[in-house]
Amino acid sequence: MNDQKNLMFLRLLQLHWKSYRRSSAFTSGVVTSTFYVFGMLYFIGIFTLLGFWSFELIDEGIGDDPLLLINRYIIYGTSFWVVSRYFTQKMPVLNIKALLSLPVKENTIVHYALGRTILSFFNISNAFFFVPFSIDLVNNGYPIAQVLSWHFAIIAIVFCTNYINILINDRNDVFYAAATVLILFAGVQYYDIFDITQHTGPVFDTFYTNPIYTIIPWLILILLYRLTFTHFKNRMYLDSGLQE
């Protein structure tokens, strides 16, 4: 069964590539993709350097524990991932007209469309910071098991913002809820009502000090994926919203 699903995914990728290559926008798409790749490589280089230098800069320059400092301000990173994804990340688009004559199940189509978002630049680029930073942590005496626990929790959080962004772009209720939370966070921080980092930092510390809690962001990720999957599966009908 899994082999059949994998073959179907490969077939869908081939069909997507052929459709893109034969489209009238292929030439302009190649030019745009070229600039996109160069920009991606630029930011990947920056993230990699920051990943390898952050520990030394924080430890020697600021004199604080690098992991605790990153955990204290990672809530800003999470907010930035959500906002930047909303304005720049493309949503999964799949024209299913060409698939109507093929024995492809609805579940497979939706899984394929959502699975393509895993290769988003936002998901990949974060690894170029957190992987070198985690290596530095281990090289400086932090227990590898606890570092891996923290690292996997961050991976789950990054992917959570991926599916939150998909829901935000397609559901007004999720958009307004996310916007309200982000505005409240920004407001209480800006007007010094209370320091949000003092409350969120210990949460991220827990993923390091108590590895068992790493399962929580992964459970949230599974829930978000199921919500996104159900939402788009229910919208696969042939009158309106067929293509997207």
Protein backbone atom coordinates (compact mmCIF):
# COMPACT_ATOMS: atom_id res chain seq x y z
CA MET A 1 0.00 0.00 0.00
CA ASN A 2 2.79 2.43 0.91
CA ASP A 3 4.61 1.58 -2.32
CA GLN A 4 1.49 2.41 -4.31
CA LYS A 5 1.15 5.73 -2.52
CA ASN A 6 4.80 6.57 -3.17
CA LEU A 7 4.42 5.73 -6.85
CA MET A 8 1.31 7.88 -7.05
CA PHE A 9 3.14 10.79 -5.41
CA LEU A 10 5.95 10.44 -7.96
CA ARG A 11 3.40 10.35 -10.76
CA LEU A 12 1.76 13.53 -9.48
CA LEU A 13 5.17 15.22 -9.35
CA GLN A 14 5.82 14.22 -12.96
CA LEU A 15 2.44 15.57 -14.06
CA HIS A 16 3.06 18.81 -12.18
CA TRP A 17 6.45 19.26 -13.85
CA LYS A 18 5.04 18.55 -17.32
CA SER A 19 2.22 21.02 -16.75
CA TYR A 20 4.68 23.68 -15.62
CA ARG A 21 7.09 23.03 -18.50
CA ARG A 22 4.34 23.24 -21.14
CA SER A 23 2.72 26.37 -19.70
CA SER A 24 3.01 29.74 -21.44
CA ALA A 25 4.64 31.17 -18.30
CA PHE A 26 7.49 28.66 -18.34
CA THR A 27 10.16 31.09 -19.57
CA SER A 28 9.25 33.85 -17.13
CA GLY A 29 8.92 31.23 -14.42
CA VAL A 30 12.47 30.01 -15.03
CA VAL A 31 13.84 33.56 -14.78
CA THR A 32 11.90 34.19 -11.57
CA SER A 33 13.00 30.86 -10.13
CA THR A 34 16.64 31.69 -10.92
CA PHE A 35 16.48 34.91 -8.93
CA TYR A 36 14.62 33.05 -6.21
CA VAL A 37 17.38 30.43 -5.98
CA PHE A 38 20.10 33.07 -5.73
CA GLY A 39 18.17 34.87 -3.00
CA MET A 40 17.62 31.59 -1.20
CA LEU A 41 21.34 30.76 -1.33
CA TYR A 42 22.15 34.21 0.04
CA PHE A 43 19.91 33.83 3.05
CA ILE A 44 21.01 30.23 3.60
CA GLY A 45 24.61 31.48 3.78
CA ILE A 46 23.63 34.12 6.34
CA PHE A 47 21.65 31.64 8.46
CA THR A 48 24.54 29.17 8.38
CA LEU A 49 27.05 31.77 9.55
CA LEU A 50 24.69 32.91 12.30
CA GLY A 51 24.19 29.31 13.34
CA PHE A 52 27.92 28.75 13.79
CA TRP A 53 28.69 32.16 15.32
CA SER A 54 25.69 32.71 17.58
CA PHE A 55 26.98 30.59 20.45
CA GLU A 56 30.32 32.43 20.62
CA LEU A 57 28.73 35.86 20.13
CA ILE A 58 26.21 35.32 22.93
CA ASP A 59 28.55 33.49 25.27
CA GLU A 60 31.50 35.87 24.97
CA GLY A 61 29.86 39.07 23.77
CA ILE A 62 26.78 39.16 25.99
CA GLY A 63 27.88 36.76 28.70
CA ASP A 64 24.56 34.93 28.78
CA ASP A 65 23.70 31.28 28.28
CA PRO A 66 23.23 30.99 24.47
CA LEU A 67 20.45 28.41 24.69
CA LEU A 68 18.49 30.34 27.30
CA LEU A 69 18.81 33.56 25.30
CA ILE A 70 17.64 31.91 22.08
CA ASN A 71 14.72 30.34 23.93
CA ARG A 72 13.81 33.70 25.46
CA TYR A 73 13.43 35.39 22.09
CA ILE A 74 12.35 32.50 19.87
CA ILE A 75 8.75 33.65 20.32
CA TYR A 76 9.68 36.58 18.09
CA GLY A 77 11.08 34.16 15.56
CA THR A 78 7.85 32.17 15.61
CA SER A 79 5.81 35.34 15.08
CA PHE A 80 8.13 36.38 12.24
CA TRP A 81 7.74 32.98 10.56
CA VAL A 82 3.95 33.30 10.62
CA VAL A 83 3.92 36.90 9.30
CA SER A 84 6.58 36.39 6.63
CA ARG A 85 4.95 33.17 5.43
CA TYR A 86 1.61 34.96 5.12
CA PHE A 87 3.01 37.64 2.81
CA THR A 88 5.53 35.63 0.78
CA GLN A 89 4.90 31.88 0.89
CA LYS A 90 2.89 30.52 -2.02
CA MET A 91 -0.09 28.37 -1.20
CA PRO A 92 -0.36 24.84 -2.62
CA VAL A 93 -2.20 25.03 -5.94
CA LEU A 94 -3.19 21.92 -7.84
CA ASN A 95 -5.34 21.74 -10.96
CA ILE A 96 -7.33 18.56 -10.48
CA LYS A 97 -9.09 18.62 -13.86
CA ALA A 98 -6.28 16.57 -15.38
CA LEU A 99 -6.60 14.04 -12.55
CA LEU A 100 -10.29 13.32 -12.95
CA SER A 101 -9.65 10.53 -15.44
CA LEU A 102 -7.01 8.90 -13.24
CA PRO A 103 -7.64 6.45 -10.36
CA VAL A 104 -6.40 8.90 -7.75
CA LYS A 105 -8.11 9.10 -4.37
CA GLU A 106 -9.07 12.44 -2.85
CA ASN A 107 -6.88 11.74 0.19
CA THR A 108 -3.83 11.22 -2.02
CA ILE A 109 -4.39 14.49 -3.86
CA VAL A 110 -4.72 16.48 -0.64
CA HIS A 111 -1.74 14.76 0.99
CA TYR A 112 0.31 15.51 -2.12
CA ALA A 113 -0.67 19.20 -2.20
CA LEU A 114 0.08 19.66 1.51
CA GLY A 115 3.24 17.56 1.29
CA ARG A 116 4.70 19.92 -1.30
CA THR A 117 4.71 22.71 1.28
CA ILE A 118 7.27 20.74 3.34
CA LEU A 119 9.89 21.81 0.78
CA SER A 120 9.14 25.47 1.43
CA PHE A 121 12.15 27.76 1.80
CA PHE A 122 10.95 28.75 5.26
CA ASN A 123 11.15 25.15 6.45
CA ILE A 124 14.50 24.42 4.86
CA SER A 125 16.27 27.68 5.73
CA ASN A 126 15.65 27.33 9.46
CA ALA A 127 17.67 24.12 9.47
CA PHE A 128 20.74 26.06 8.34
CA PHE A 129 20.61 28.02 11.59
CA PHE A 130 19.42 25.47 14.12
CA VAL A 131 21.58 22.55 12.95
CA PRO A 132 24.91 24.45 13.30
CA PHE A 133 23.71 26.02 16.55
CA SER A 134 22.80 22.60 17.96
CA ILE A 135 26.20 21.26 16.92
CA ASP A 136 27.85 24.12 18.79
CA LEU A 137 25.78 23.35 21.86
CA VAL A 138 26.95 19.73 21.87
CA ASN A 139 30.56 20.74 21.23
CA ASN A 140 30.39 23.02 24.25
CA GLY A 141 29.26 20.39 26.70
CA TYR A 142 25.47 20.40 26.42
CA PRO A 143 24.07 16.83 26.63
CA ILE A 144 23.37 15.58 23.13
CA ALA A 145 20.10 13.86 24.07
CA GLN A 146 18.67 17.07 25.53
CA VAL A 147 19.92 19.16 22.61
CA LEU A 148 18.26 16.76 20.17
CA SER A 149 15.05 16.93 22.19
CA TRP A 150 15.07 20.73 21.99
CA HIS A 151 16.03 20.67 18.31
CA PHE A 152 13.19 18.33 17.34
CA ALA A 153 10.73 20.51 19.26
CA ILE A 154 11.86 23.52 17.23
CA ILE A 155 11.44 21.52 14.00
CA ALA A 156 7.85 20.73 14.96
CA ILE A 157 7.16 24.40 15.76
CA VAL A 158 8.55 25.50 12.38
CA PHE A 159 6.26 23.06 10.58
CA CYS A 160 3.35 24.18 12.76
CA THR A 161 3.75 27.71 11.39
CA ASN A 162 3.64 26.20 7.90
CA TYR A 163 0.18 24.74 8.37
CA ILE A 164 -1.03 27.69 10.42
CA ASN A 165 -0.11 29.88 7.45
CA ILE A 166 -2.10 27.68 5.06
CA LEU A 167 -5.17 27.94 7.28
CA ILE A 168 -4.67 31.69 7.74
CA ASN A 169 -4.65 32.20 3.98
CA ASP A 170 -7.82 30.21 3.45
CA ARG A 171 -9.91 30.74 6.57
CA ASN A 172 -10.93 34.16 7.85
CA ASP A 173 -11.57 32.91 11.38
CA VAL A 174 -8.02 31.57 11.69
CA PHE A 175 -6.64 34.77 10.14
CA TYR A 176 -8.44 37.03 12.63
CA ALA A 177 -7.50 34.80 15.57
CA ALA A 178 -3.81 34.77 14.60
CA ALA A 179 -3.80 38.51 13.88
CA THR A 180 -5.40 39.24 17.25
CA VAL A 181 -2.82 37.15 19.13
CA LEU A 182 0.12 38.74 17.29
CA ILE A 183 -1.22 42.28 17.81
CA LEU A 184 -1.77 41.61 21.52
CA PHE A 185 1.76 40.22 21.86
CA ALA A 186 3.21 43.24 20.08
CA GLY A 187 1.10 45.68 22.09
CA VAL A 188 1.89 44.38 25.57
CA GLN A 189 5.57 44.18 24.67
CA TYR A 190 5.74 47.65 23.09
CA TYR A 191 3.94 49.40 25.94
CA ASP A 192 5.90 47.46 28.60
CA ILE A 193 2.76 46.01 30.13
CA PHE A 194 4.71 42.82 30.69
CA ASP A 195 7.64 41.09 29.03
CA ILE A 196 6.22 38.23 27.00
CA THR A 197 9.67 36.63 26.72
CA GLN A 198 9.74 36.03 30.48
CA HIS A 199 6.71 33.79 30.10
CA THR A 200 7.51 32.05 26.80
CA GLY A 201 11.23 31.48 27.43
CA PRO A 202 10.67 28.86 30.16
CA VAL A 203 8.30 26.99 27.83
CA PHE A 204 11.07 26.51 25.26
CA ASP A 205 13.53 25.73 28.06
CA THR A 206 11.30 22.82 29.04
CA PHE A 207 11.96 21.07 25.73
CA TYR A 208 15.62 20.91 26.79
CA THR A 209 15.30 20.25 30.52
CA ASN A 210 12.42 17.74 30.20
CA PRO A 211 12.66 15.96 26.83
CA ILE A 212 9.34 14.19 27.37
CA TYR A 213 7.57 17.52 26.65
CA THR A 214 8.98 17.52 23.11
CA ILE A 215 6.03 15.34 22.17
CA ILE A 216 3.64 18.29 22.74
CA PRO A 217 4.63 20.39 19.67
CA TRP A 218 4.60 17.23 17.57
CA LEU A 219 1.07 16.43 18.73
CA ILE A 220 0.06 20.00 17.88
CA LEU A 221 1.68 19.57 14.46
CA ILE A 222 -0.31 16.39 13.80
CA LEU A 223 -3.51 18.17 14.88
CA LEU A 224 -2.81 21.14 12.59
CA TYR A 225 -2.07 18.83 9.68
CA ARG A 226 -5.33 16.96 10.22
CA LEU A 227 -7.27 20.23 10.42
CA THR A 228 -5.65 21.48 7.22
CA PHE A 229 -6.18 18.15 5.48
CA THR A 230 -9.86 18.01 6.46
CA HIS A 231 -10.43 21.62 5.46
CA PHE A 232 -9.07 21.18 1.94
CA LYS A 233 -10.60 17.76 1.41
CA ASN A 234 -14.02 19.23 2.18
CA ARG A 235 -13.39 21.94 -0.42
CA MET A 236 -12.61 19.54 -3.30
CA TYR A 237 -15.71 20.08 -5.38
CA LEU A 238 -16.18 20.91 -9.03
CA ASP A 239 -18.21 24.10 -9.04
CA SER A 240 -16.19 26.80 -7.23
CA GLY A 241 -12.72 26.60 -5.85
CA LEU A 242 -11.87 23.72 -8.17
CA GLN A 243 -8.30 24.67 -8.96
CA GLU A 244 -6.97 25.87 -5.61
